Amino acid sequence: MGSNTVHLLVVDAHPGACPLPAHSHKVELRLAQLLDDGGAIGPDGIDRLVSVVHEALRAAEDKGVEELLPFATSAVRDAGNADDVLARVREETGVELQVLSGAEEARLTFLAARRWFGWSAGKLLVLDIGGGSLEIAYGMDEEPDAAVSLPLGAGRLTAGWLPGDPPEADEVRALRRHVRTEIARTVGEFSRLGAPDHVVATSKTFKQLARIAGAARSAEGPYVQRELKRESLEGWVPRLAAMTVAERAELPGVSEGRAGQLLAGALVAEGAMDLFGVERLEICPWALREGVILRRLDHMGPA
């Protein structure tokens, strides 16, 4: 249950084997944009959330799912009425959501990236832009040496900073300053650990930015290398700022539901790559969901 999407991913998974996706059921609920002025998820948002959980349960039953690993991220974690939301979901659906902390999100996403690229990737720097938060993790093992979560999600920032369509130039400048100030506070924690050998990024935002910058289509499969260069991203930011949401939705690989928050995501990506001195990064197909699955398989032990 993310800030943008409630996503049921069904996998054929066994200890020691690569989790194979068997079915995907998504609903773009955009919880990060359903918060009221007090930071709580309103009654309509909770009703929609409960309904979507029921949908996911029916899909899981239809596909013969043996075990559910239900979890929620920043939109629920940061909601002013998070306990009430969790209780309502539990009472009406029987689903006990585990709310991940920001640091847990970063660590599990890092685990997924490490397993995907392997030990030969050396010291990894992993960036993940969600709807509600930005996760950054660094390390050479499966557990990162540093992991942080910042309230710089593309959906959150769009709702709070970019009301115009297209946004005003001063709105974009103000958001750019805010993003860079927040990221700059964390750079020292990572730079003291040394330069990474490999920089990777996960999340739909990075995938869409890489696609508009010329990366391969998703239809070409997960094993095609996809990169995002800072130079290309810097060229796209002003172009995205000048576009309406409808115009962004016509770009290759950009979904209609996420077109509105692509500019905010681009500003976060650009700020992170600049402040961490990253000239290019590689897109990782695996992210938080796969990290949760891999950690569960590790706890199961050998078959």
C-alpha atoms as a PDB file:
ATOM      1  CA  MET A   1       0.000   0.000   0.000  1.00  0.00           C
ATOM      2  CA  GLY A   2       2.066   2.899  -1.295  1.00  0.00           C
ATOM      3  CA  SER A   3       1.471   6.612  -1.527  1.00  0.00           C
ATOM      4  CA  ASN A   4       0.431   6.309  -5.178  1.00  0.00           C
ATOM      5  CA  THR A   5      -0.683   2.744  -5.735  1.00  0.00           C
ATOM      6  CA  VAL A   6      -2.216  -0.152  -3.866  1.00  0.00           C
ATOM      7  CA  HIS A   7      -0.470  -3.043  -5.580  1.00  0.00           C
ATOM      8  CA  LEU A   8      -0.954  -6.768  -5.120  1.00  0.00           C
ATOM      9  CA  LEU A   9       2.032  -8.597  -6.592  1.00  0.00           C
ATOM     10  CA  VAL A  10       1.591 -12.370  -6.769  1.00  0.00           C
ATOM     11  CA  VAL A  11       4.835 -14.321  -7.055  1.00  0.00           C
ATOM     12  CA  ASP A  12       5.908 -17.927  -7.275  1.00  0.00           C
ATOM     13  CA  ALA A  13       8.520 -17.856  -4.525  1.00  0.00           C
ATOM     14  CA  HIS A  14      10.683 -20.486  -2.849  1.00  0.00           C
ATOM     15  CA  PRO A  15      13.766 -20.162  -0.613  1.00  0.00           C
ATOM     16  CA  GLY A  16      16.888 -19.977  -2.727  1.00  0.00           C
ATOM     17  CA  ALA A  17      15.009 -19.245  -5.966  1.00  0.00           C
ATOM     18  CA  CYS A  18      14.336 -16.025  -7.854  1.00  0.00           C
ATOM     19  CA  PRO A  19      10.772 -14.793  -7.114  1.00  0.00           C
ATOM     20  CA  LEU A  20       8.839 -15.051 -10.389  1.00  0.00           C
ATOM     21  CA  PRO A  21       5.947 -12.595 -10.912  1.00  0.00           C
ATOM     22  CA  ALA A  22       2.730 -14.463 -11.679  1.00  0.00           C
ATOM     23  CA  HIS A  23       0.082 -11.719 -11.473  1.00  0.00           C
ATOM     24  CA  SER A  24      -0.194  -8.015 -10.765  1.00  0.00           C
ATOM     25  CA  HIS A  25      -3.281  -6.128  -9.541  1.00  0.00           C
ATOM     26  CA  LYS A  26      -2.945  -2.338  -9.230  1.00  0.00           C
ATOM     27  CA  VAL A  27      -5.218   0.513  -8.262  1.00  0.00           C
ATOM     28  CA  GLU A  28      -3.943   4.096  -8.372  1.00  0.00           C
ATOM     29  CA  LEU A  29      -5.441   5.400  -5.141  1.00  0.00           C
ATOM     30  CA  ARG A  30      -2.894   8.226  -4.592  1.00  0.00           C
ATOM     31  CA  LEU A  31      -3.262   8.280  -0.820  1.00  0.00           C
ATOM     32  CA  ALA A  32      -0.621  10.997  -0.479  1.00  0.00           C
ATOM     33  CA  GLN A  33      -3.027  13.379  -2.213  1.00  0.00           C
ATOM     34  CA  LEU A  34      -6.082  12.394  -0.130  1.00  0.00           C
ATOM     35  CA  LEU A  35      -4.866  13.945   3.121  1.00  0.00           C
ATOM     36  CA  ASP A  36      -6.938  16.747   4.622  1.00  0.00           C
ATOM     37  CA  ASP A  37      -5.537  20.011   5.983  1.00  0.00           C
ATOM     38  CA  GLY A  38      -4.713  18.292   9.269  1.00  0.00           C
ATOM     39  CA  GLY A  39      -2.696  15.547   7.585  1.00  0.00           C
ATOM     40  CA  ALA A  40      -5.320  12.840   8.114  1.00  0.00           C
ATOM     41  CA  ILE A  41      -6.854  10.506   5.541  1.00  0.00           C
ATOM     42  CA  GLY A  42     -10.476  11.625   5.244  1.00  0.00           C
ATOM     43  CA  PRO A  43     -13.559   9.370   5.449  1.00  0.00           C
ATOM     44  CA  ASP A  44     -13.847   9.095   1.667  1.00  0.00           C
ATOM     45  CA  GLY A  45     -10.202   8.106   1.408  1.00  0.00           C
ATOM     46  CA  ILE A  46     -10.594   5.419   4.068  1.00  0.00           C
ATOM     47  CA  ASP A  47     -13.721   4.064   2.341  1.00  0.00           C
ATOM     48  CA  ARG A  48     -11.838   3.839  -0.953  1.00  0.00           C
ATOM     49  CA  LEU A  49      -8.880   2.210   0.767  1.00  0.00           C
ATOM     50  CA  VAL A  50     -11.037  -0.483   2.378  1.00  0.00           C
ATOM     51  CA  SER A  51     -12.742  -1.146  -0.957  1.00  0.00           C
ATOM     52  CA  VAL A  52      -9.397  -1.553  -2.733  1.00  0.00           C
ATOM     53  CA  VAL A  53      -8.148  -3.963  -0.053  1.00  0.00           C
ATOM     54  CA  HIS A  54     -11.275  -6.060  -0.598  1.00  0.00           C
ATOM     55  CA  GLU A  55     -10.494  -6.064  -4.346  1.00  0.00           C
ATOM     56  CA  ALA A  56      -6.935  -7.213  -3.692  1.00  0.00           C
ATOM     57  CA  LEU A  57      -8.139 -10.000  -1.409  1.00  0.00           C
ATOM     58  CA  ARG A  58     -10.505 -11.285  -4.085  1.00  0.00           C
ATOM     59  CA  ALA A  59      -7.689 -11.213  -6.644  1.00  0.00           C
ATOM     60  CA  ALA A  60      -5.385 -13.082  -4.247  1.00  0.00           C
ATOM     61  CA  GLU A  61      -8.035 -15.735  -3.661  1.00  0.00           C
ATOM     62  CA  ASP A  62      -8.634 -16.136  -7.388  1.00  0.00           C
ATOM     63  CA  LYS A  63      -4.910 -16.690  -7.959  1.00  0.00           C
ATOM     64  CA  GLY A  64      -4.524 -19.245  -5.171  1.00  0.00           C
ATOM     65  CA  VAL A  65      -2.239 -17.152  -2.985  1.00  0.00           C
ATOM     66  CA  GLU A  66      -0.945 -19.122   0.006  1.00  0.00           C
ATOM     67  CA  GLU A  67       0.493 -16.283   2.075  1.00  0.00           C
ATOM     68  CA  LEU A  68      -0.135 -12.541   2.138  1.00  0.00           C
ATOM     69  CA  LEU A  69       2.533 -10.018   3.162  1.00  0.00           C
ATOM     70  CA  PRO A  70       0.471  -6.821   3.515  1.00  0.00           C
ATOM     71  CA  PHE A  71       2.419  -3.644   4.223  1.00  0.00           C
ATOM     72  CA  ALA A  72       1.988   0.129   4.006  1.00  0.00           C
ATOM     73  CA  THR A  73       4.463   2.942   3.451  1.00  0.00           C
ATOM     74  CA  SER A  74       4.642   6.699   4.000  1.00  0.00           C
ATOM     75  CA  ALA A  75       1.073   7.765   3.144  1.00  0.00           C
ATOM     76  CA  VAL A  76      -0.355   5.639   5.970  1.00  0.00           C
ATOM     77  CA  ARG A  77       2.708   6.020   8.207  1.00  0.00           C
ATOM     78  CA  ASP A  78       2.545   9.810   8.148  1.00  0.00           C
ATOM     79  CA  ALA A  79      -1.234  10.189   8.313  1.00  0.00           C
ATOM     80  CA  GLY A  80      -2.484  11.937  11.427  1.00  0.00           C
ATOM     81  CA  ASN A  81      -5.087   9.197  11.924  1.00  0.00           C
ATOM     82  CA  ALA A  82      -2.900   6.218  10.993  1.00  0.00           C
ATOM     83  CA  ASP A  83      -4.092   4.095  13.948  1.00  0.00           C
ATOM     84  CA  ASP A  84      -7.732   4.643  13.003  1.00  0.00           C
ATOM     85  CA  VAL A  85      -7.037   3.769   9.371  1.00  0.00           C
ATOM     86  CA  LEU A  86      -5.237   0.549  10.322  1.00  0.00           C
ATOM     87  CA  ALA A  87      -8.020  -0.424  12.728  1.00  0.00           C
ATOM     88  CA  ARG A  88     -10.706   0.160  10.103  1.00  0.00           C
ATOM     89  CA  VAL A  89      -8.850  -1.935   7.510  1.00  0.00           C
ATOM     90  CA  ARG A  90      -8.327  -4.710  10.063  1.00  0.00           C
ATOM     91  CA  GLU A  91     -11.971  -4.713  11.220  1.00  0.00           C
ATOM     92  CA  GLU A  92     -13.538  -4.634   7.754  1.00  0.00           C
ATOM     93  CA  THR A  93     -11.124  -6.829   5.786  1.00  0.00           C
ATOM     94  CA  GLY A  94      -9.213  -8.907   8.339  1.00  0.00           C
ATOM     95  CA  VAL A  95      -5.927  -7.605   6.906  1.00  0.00           C
ATOM     96  CA  GLU A  96      -3.288  -6.607   9.466  1.00  0.00           C
ATOM     97  CA  LEU A  97      -1.135  -4.055   7.692  1.00  0.00           C
ATOM     98  CA  GLN A  98       2.500  -3.787   8.714  1.00  0.00           C
ATOM     99  CA  VAL A  99       3.551  -0.147   8.532  1.00  0.00           C
ATOM    100  CA  LEU A 100       7.170   0.117   7.445  1.00  0.00           C
ATOM    101  CA  SER A 101       9.333   2.922   8.773  1.00  0.00           C
ATOM    102  CA  GLY A 102      11.223   5.053   6.277  1.00  0.00           C
ATOM    103  CA  ALA A 103      14.502   3.420   7.266  1.00  0.00           C
ATOM    104  CA  GLU A 104      12.968  -0.044   6.779  1.00  0.00           C
ATOM    105  CA  GLU A 105      11.799   0.978   3.316  1.00  0.00           C
ATOM    106  CA  ALA A 106      15.317   2.081   2.444  1.00  0.00           C
ATOM    107  CA  ARG A 107      16.900  -1.113   3.810  1.00  0.00           C
ATOM    108  CA  LEU A 108      14.484  -3.473   2.061  1.00  0.00           C
ATOM    109  CA  THR A 109      14.824  -1.623  -1.245  1.00  0.00           C
ATOM    110  CA  PHE A 110      18.596  -1.826  -0.852  1.00  0.00           C
ATOM    111  CA  LEU A 111      18.346  -5.596  -0.272  1.00  0.00           C
ATOM    112  CA  ALA A 112      16.369  -5.981  -3.505  1.00  0.00           C
ATOM    113  CA  ALA A 113      18.943  -3.969  -5.464  1.00  0.00           C
ATOM    114  CA  ARG A 114      21.836  -5.929  -3.951  1.00  0.00           C
ATOM    115  CA  ARG A 115      20.253  -9.261  -4.877  1.00  0.00           C
ATOM    116  CA  TRP A 116      19.526  -8.036  -8.410  1.00  0.00           C
ATOM    117  CA  PHE A 117      23.032  -6.719  -9.158  1.00  0.00           C
ATOM    118  CA  GLY A 118      24.998  -9.132  -6.963  1.00  0.00           C
ATOM    119  CA  TRP A 119      28.253  -8.757  -5.063  1.00  0.00           C
ATOM    120  CA  SER A 120      30.196  -7.747  -8.171  1.00  0.00           C
ATOM    121  CA  ALA A 121      28.444  -4.362  -8.069  1.00  0.00           C
ATOM    122  CA  GLY A 122      30.608  -3.435  -5.071  1.00  0.00           C
ATOM    123  CA  LYS A 123      29.504  -0.503  -2.933  1.00  0.00           C
ATOM    124  CA  LEU A 124      25.951   0.429  -3.905  1.00  0.00           C
ATOM    125  CA  LEU A 125      24.182   3.770  -3.629  1.00  0.00           C
ATOM    126  CA  VAL A 126      20.438   3.204  -4.047  1.00  0.00           C
ATOM    127  CA  LEU A 127      17.869   5.961  -4.665  1.00  0.00           C
ATOM    128  CA  ASP A 128      14.108   5.437  -4.589  1.00  0.00           C
ATOM    129  CA  ILE A 129      11.461   8.133  -5.175  1.00  0.00           C
ATOM    130  CA  GLY A 130       7.997   7.139  -4.027  1.00  0.00           C
ATOM    131  CA  GLY A 131       4.790   9.097  -3.818  1.00  0.00           C
ATOM    132  CA  GLY A 132       5.418  10.191  -0.240  1.00  0.00           C
ATOM    133  CA  SER A 133       9.150   9.897   0.392  1.00  0.00           C
ATOM    134  CA  LEU A 134      12.668   9.612  -1.001  1.00  0.00           C
ATOM    135  CA  GLU A 135      14.781   6.719   0.284  1.00  0.00           C
ATOM    136  CA  ILE A 136      18.581   6.688   0.074  1.00  0.00           C
ATOM    137  CA  ALA A 137      20.778   3.745   1.103  1.00  0.00           C
ATOM    138  CA  TYR A 138      24.468   2.904   0.756  1.00  0.00           C
ATOM    139  CA  GLY A 139      26.644  -0.100   1.537  1.00  0.00           C
ATOM    140  CA  MET A 140      28.656  -3.069   0.347  1.00  0.00           C
ATOM    141  CA  ASP A 141      26.701  -5.831   2.106  1.00  0.00           C
ATOM    142  CA  GLU A 142      23.021  -6.828   2.046  1.00  0.00           C
ATOM    143  CA  GLU A 143      22.360  -4.533   5.009  1.00  0.00           C
ATOM    144  CA  PRO A 144      23.253  -0.916   4.136  1.00  0.00           C
ATOM    145  CA  ASP A 145      25.753   1.076   6.177  1.00  0.00           C
ATOM    146  CA  ALA A 146      23.528   4.165   5.913  1.00  0.00           C
ATOM    147  CA  ALA A 147      19.815   4.448   5.144  1.00  0.00           C
ATOM    148  CA  VAL A 148      17.562   7.501   5.327  1.00  0.00           C
ATOM    149  CA  SER A 149      14.062   8.492   4.306  1.00  0.00           C
ATOM    150  CA  LEU A 150      13.117  12.075   3.446  1.00  0.00           C
ATOM    151  CA  PRO A 151       9.590  13.530   2.944  1.00  0.00           C
ATOM    152  CA  LEU A 152      10.337  14.227  -0.720  1.00  0.00           C
ATOM    153  CA  GLY A 153       7.884  11.967  -2.504  1.00  0.00           C
ATOM    154  CA  ALA A 154       6.679  13.084  -5.925  1.00  0.00           C
ATOM    155  CA  GLY A 155       2.996  13.006  -4.984  1.00  0.00           C
ATOM    156  CA  ARG A 156       3.474  14.782  -1.671  1.00  0.00           C
ATOM    157  CA  LEU A 157       5.553  17.564  -3.257  1.00  0.00           C
ATOM    158  CA  THR A 158       3.180  18.035  -6.182  1.00  0.00           C
ATOM    159  CA  ALA A 159       0.186  18.459  -3.890  1.00  0.00           C
ATOM    160  CA  GLY A 160       1.991  20.869  -1.587  1.00  0.00           C
ATOM    161  CA  TRP A 161       4.177  22.919  -3.938  1.00  0.00           C
ATOM    162  CA  LEU A 162       2.981  22.776  -7.562  1.00  0.00           C
ATOM    163  CA  PRO A 163      -0.710  23.734  -7.794  1.00  0.00           C
ATOM    164  CA  GLY A 164      -0.471  25.258 -11.281  1.00  0.00           C
ATOM    165  CA  ASP A 165      -0.880  23.433 -14.579  1.00  0.00           C
ATOM    166  CA  PRO A 166       1.697  24.179 -15.804  1.00  0.00           C
ATOM    167  CA  PRO A 167       3.225  25.490 -12.560  1.00  0.00           C
ATOM    168  CA  GLU A 168       4.500  29.039 -12.209  1.00  0.00           C
ATOM    169  CA  ALA A 169       8.258  29.541 -12.516  1.00  0.00           C
ATOM    170  CA  ASP A 170       8.521  30.774  -8.921  1.00  0.00           C
ATOM    171  CA  GLU A 171       6.716  27.634  -7.705  1.00  0.00           C
ATOM    172  CA  VAL A 172       9.268  25.442  -9.473  1.00  0.00           C
ATOM    173  CA  ARG A 173      12.188  27.479  -8.084  1.00  0.00           C
ATOM    174  CA  ALA A 174      10.797  27.302  -4.548  1.00  0.00           C
ATOM    175  CA  LEU A 175      10.372  23.528  -4.750  1.00  0.00           C
ATOM    176  CA  ARG A 176      13.857  23.128  -6.210  1.00  0.00           C
ATOM    177  CA  ARG A 177      15.345  25.047  -3.251  1.00  0.00           C
ATOM    178  CA  HIS A 178      13.337  22.996  -0.758  1.00  0.00           C
ATOM    179  CA  VAL A 179      14.355  19.666  -2.310  1.00  0.00           C
ATOM    180  CA  ARG A 180      18.043  20.534  -2.381  1.00  0.00           C
ATOM    181  CA  THR A 181      18.025  21.850   1.176  1.00  0.00           C
ATOM    182  CA  GLU A 182      16.506  18.604   2.466  1.00  0.00           C
ATOM    183  CA  ILE A 183      18.861  16.350   0.514  1.00  0.00           C
ATOM    184  CA  ALA A 184      21.964  18.406   1.354  1.00  0.00           C
ATOM    185  CA  ARG A 185      21.431  17.700   5.067  1.00  0.00           C
ATOM    186  CA  THR A 186      22.061  13.993   4.473  1.00  0.00           C
ATOM    187  CA  VAL A 187      24.955  14.093   2.008  1.00  0.00           C
ATOM    188  CA  GLY A 188      27.654  14.213   4.694  1.00  0.00           C
ATOM    189  CA  GLU A 189      26.373  11.011   6.301  1.00  0.00           C
ATOM    190  CA  PHE A 190      27.001   9.182   3.025  1.00  0.00           C
ATOM    191  CA  SER A 191      30.098  10.948   1.702  1.00  0.00           C
ATOM    192  CA  ARG A 192      32.155   9.924   4.743  1.00  0.00           C
ATOM    193  CA  LEU A 193      31.629   6.285   3.662  1.00  0.00           C
ATOM    194  CA  GLY A 194      33.464   6.813   0.372  1.00  0.00           C
ATOM    195  CA  ALA A 195      32.451   6.881  -3.265  1.00  0.00           C
ATOM    196  CA  PRO A 196      30.034   4.169  -4.461  1.00  0.00           C
ATOM    197  CA  ASP A 197      31.078   1.704  -7.137  1.00  0.00           C
ATOM    198  CA  HIS A 198      27.598   1.564  -8.629  1.00  0.00           C
ATOM    199  CA  VAL A 199      24.600   3.909  -8.363  1.00  0.00           C
ATOM    200  CA  VAL A 200      21.144   2.497  -8.990  1.00  0.00           C
ATOM    201  CA  ALA A 201      17.606   3.791  -8.777  1.00  0.00           C
ATOM    202  CA  THR A 202      14.261   2.082  -8.357  1.00  0.00           C
ATOM    203  CA  SER A 203      10.630   3.247  -8.546  1.00  0.00           C
ATOM    204  CA  LYS A 204       8.202   4.217 -11.271  1.00  0.00           C
ATOM    205  CA  THR A 205       9.410   7.831 -11.218  1.00  0.00           C
ATOM    206  CA  PHE A 206      12.985   6.936 -12.130  1.00  0.00           C
ATOM    207  CA  LYS A 207      11.796   4.418 -14.733  1.00  0.00           C
ATOM    208  CA  GLN A 208       9.649   7.051 -16.434  1.00  0.00           C
ATOM    209  CA  LEU A 209      12.434   9.639 -16.354  1.00  0.00           C
ATOM    210  CA  ALA A 210      14.835   7.139 -17.887  1.00  0.00           C
ATOM    211  CA  ARG A 211      12.265   6.241 -20.554  1.00  0.00           C
ATOM    212  CA  ILE A 212      11.673   9.831 -21.707  1.00  0.00           C
ATOM    213  CA  ALA A 213      15.451  10.279 -21.772  1.00  0.00           C
ATOM    214  CA  GLY A 214      15.781   7.404 -24.232  1.00  0.00           C
ATOM    215  CA  ALA A 215      15.910   4.170 -22.198  1.00  0.00           C
ATOM    216  CA  ALA A 216      14.371   0.958 -23.533  1.00  0.00           C
ATOM    217  CA  ARG A 217      10.636   0.346 -23.233  1.00  0.00           C
ATOM    218  CA  SER A 218       9.362  -1.876 -20.416  1.00  0.00           C
ATOM    219  CA  ALA A 219       8.077  -4.290 -23.063  1.00  0.00           C
ATOM    220  CA  GLU A 220      11.678  -5.202 -23.859  1.00  0.00           C
ATOM    221  CA  GLY A 221      11.923  -6.977 -20.513  1.00  0.00           C
ATOM    222  CA  PRO A 222      13.661  -6.492 -17.151  1.00  0.00           C
ATOM    223  CA  TYR A 223      17.119  -7.685 -18.252  1.00  0.00           C
ATOM    224  CA  VAL A 224      17.764  -4.811 -20.668  1.00  0.00           C
ATOM    225  CA  GLN A 225      20.146  -2.287 -19.112  1.00  0.00           C
ATOM    226  CA  ARG A 226      18.497   1.091 -18.590  1.00  0.00           C
ATOM    227  CA  GLU A 227      20.402   4.218 -17.570  1.00  0.00           C
ATOM    228  CA  LEU A 228      19.584   7.794 -16.668  1.00  0.00           C
ATOM    229  CA  LYS A 229      22.252  10.445 -17.236  1.00  0.00           C
ATOM    230  CA  ARG A 230      22.246  13.653 -15.211  1.00  0.00           C
ATOM    231  CA  GLU A 231      22.939  15.691 -18.321  1.00  0.00           C
ATOM    232  CA  SER A 232      19.802  14.316 -19.990  1.00  0.00           C
ATOM    233  CA  LEU A 233      17.714  14.846 -16.861  1.00  0.00           C
ATOM    234  CA  GLU A 234      18.863  18.446 -16.514  1.00  0.00           C
ATOM    235  CA  GLY A 235      17.701  19.059 -20.071  1.00  0.00           C
ATOM    236  CA  TRP A 236      14.293  17.558 -19.383  1.00  0.00           C
ATOM    237  CA  VAL A 237      13.469  19.450 -16.182  1.00  0.00           C
ATOM    238  CA  PRO A 238      12.698  22.825 -17.818  1.00  0.00           C
ATOM    239  CA  ARG A 239      10.785  21.062 -20.587  1.00  0.00           C
ATOM    240  CA  LEU A 240       8.615  19.219 -18.053  1.00  0.00           C
ATOM    241  CA  ALA A 241       8.050  22.467 -16.140  1.00  0.00           C
ATOM    242  CA  ALA A 242       6.680  24.117 -19.281  1.00  0.00           C
ATOM    243  CA  MET A 243       4.271  21.249 -20.055  1.00  0.00           C
ATOM    244  CA  THR A 244       0.722  20.736 -18.864  1.00  0.00           C
ATOM    245  CA  VAL A 245      -0.191  17.437 -17.211  1.00  0.00           C
ATOM    246  CA  ALA A 246      -1.943  16.355 -20.406  1.00  0.00           C
ATOM    247  CA  GLU A 247       1.182  17.062 -22.452  1.00  0.00           C
ATOM    248  CA  ARG A 248       3.389  15.076 -20.056  1.00  0.00           C
ATOM    249  CA  ALA A 249       0.984  12.142 -20.292  1.00  0.00           C
ATOM    250  CA  GLU A 250       1.746  11.927 -24.028  1.00  0.00           C
ATOM    251  CA  LEU A 251       5.457  11.337 -23.396  1.00  0.00           C
ATOM    252  CA  PRO A 252       6.741   7.783 -23.948  1.00  0.00           C
ATOM    253  CA  GLY A 253       6.337   5.583 -20.894  1.00  0.00           C
ATOM    254  CA  VAL A 254       4.485   8.180 -18.804  1.00  0.00           C
ATOM    255  CA  SER A 255       1.138   7.038 -17.413  1.00  0.00           C
ATOM    256  CA  GLU A 256      -1.781   9.427 -17.201  1.00  0.00           C
ATOM    257  CA  GLY A 257      -2.099   8.843 -13.459  1.00  0.00           C
ATOM    258  CA  ARG A 258       1.514   9.834 -12.738  1.00  0.00           C
ATOM    259  CA  ALA A 259       2.002  12.590 -15.291  1.00  0.00           C
ATOM    260  CA  GLY A 260       1.013  15.263 -12.785  1.00  0.00           C
ATOM    261  CA  GLN A 261       3.824  14.408 -10.382  1.00  0.00           C
ATOM    262  CA  LEU A 262       6.581  13.751 -12.908  1.00  0.00           C
ATOM    263  CA  LEU A 263       8.041  17.268 -12.621  1.00  0.00           C
ATOM    264  CA  ALA A 264       8.360  17.033  -8.835  1.00  0.00           C
ATOM    265  CA  GLY A 265       9.978  13.614  -9.217  1.00  0.00           C
ATOM    266  CA  ALA A 266      12.401  15.019 -11.797  1.00  0.00           C
ATOM    267  CA  LEU A 267      13.415  17.838  -9.427  1.00  0.00           C
ATOM    268  CA  VAL A 268      14.109  15.301  -6.668  1.00  0.00           C
ATOM    269  CA  ALA A 269      16.069  13.025  -9.014  1.00  0.00           C
ATOM    270  CA  GLU A 270      18.080  15.940 -10.384  1.00  0.00           C
ATOM    271  CA  GLY A 271      18.825  17.276  -6.896  1.00  0.00           C
ATOM    272  CA  ALA A 272      19.919  13.878  -5.592  1.00  0.00           C
ATOM    273  CA  MET A 273      22.154  13.144  -8.577  1.00  0.00           C
ATOM    274  CA  ASP A 274      23.743  16.603  -8.422  1.00  0.00           C
ATOM    275  CA  LEU A 275      24.349  16.718  -4.668  1.00  0.00           C
ATOM    276  CA  PHE A 276      25.714  13.157  -4.566  1.00  0.00           C
ATOM    277  CA  GLY A 277      27.897  13.801  -7.620  1.00  0.00           C
ATOM    278  CA  VAL A 278      26.214  11.130  -9.758  1.00  0.00           C
ATOM    279  CA  GLU A 279      26.671  11.499 -13.507  1.00  0.00           C
ATOM    280  CA  ARG A 280      24.674   8.399 -14.433  1.00  0.00           C
ATOM    281  CA  LEU A 281      22.716   5.696 -12.677  1.00  0.00           C
ATOM    282  CA  GLU A 282      21.221   2.347 -13.630  1.00  0.00           C
ATOM    283  CA  ILE A 283      17.559   1.475 -13.213  1.00  0.00           C
ATOM    284  CA  CYS A 284      16.897  -1.586 -11.032  1.00  0.00           C
ATOM    285  CA  PRO A 285      13.756  -3.609 -11.869  1.00  0.00           C
ATOM    286  CA  TRP A 286      13.407  -4.778  -8.269  1.00  0.00           C
ATOM    287  CA  ALA A 287      12.376  -2.469  -5.431  1.00  0.00           C
ATOM    288  CA  LEU A 288      10.567  -2.480  -2.086  1.00  0.00           C
ATOM    289  CA  ARG A 289       8.021  -5.213  -2.844  1.00  0.00           C
ATOM    290  CA  GLU A 290      10.754  -7.613  -3.928  1.00  0.00           C
ATOM    291  CA  GLY A 291      12.776  -6.678  -0.840  1.00  0.00           C
ATOM    292  CA  VAL A 292       9.850  -7.637   1.410  1.00  0.00           C
ATOM    293  CA  ILE A 293       9.478 -10.963  -0.407  1.00  0.00           C
ATOM    294  CA  LEU A 294      13.198 -11.732  -0.279  1.00  0.00           C
ATOM    295  CA  ARG A 295      13.385 -11.003   3.449  1.00  0.00           C
ATOM    296  CA  ARG A 296      10.416 -13.316   4.057  1.00  0.00           C
ATOM    297  CA  LEU A 297      12.061 -16.100   2.043  1.00  0.00           C
ATOM    298  CA  ASP A 298      15.272 -15.656   4.028  1.00  0.00           C
ATOM    299  CA  HIS A 299      13.322 -16.255   7.244  1.00  0.00           C
ATOM    300  CA  MET A 300      11.699 -19.387   5.829  1.00  0.00           C
ATOM    301  CA  GLY A 301      15.029 -21.167   5.461  1.00  0.00           C
ATOM    302  CA  PRO A 302      15.699 -24.041   3.040  1.00  0.00           C
ATOM    303  CA  ALA A 303      12.751 -25.990   1.670  1.00  0.00           C
END
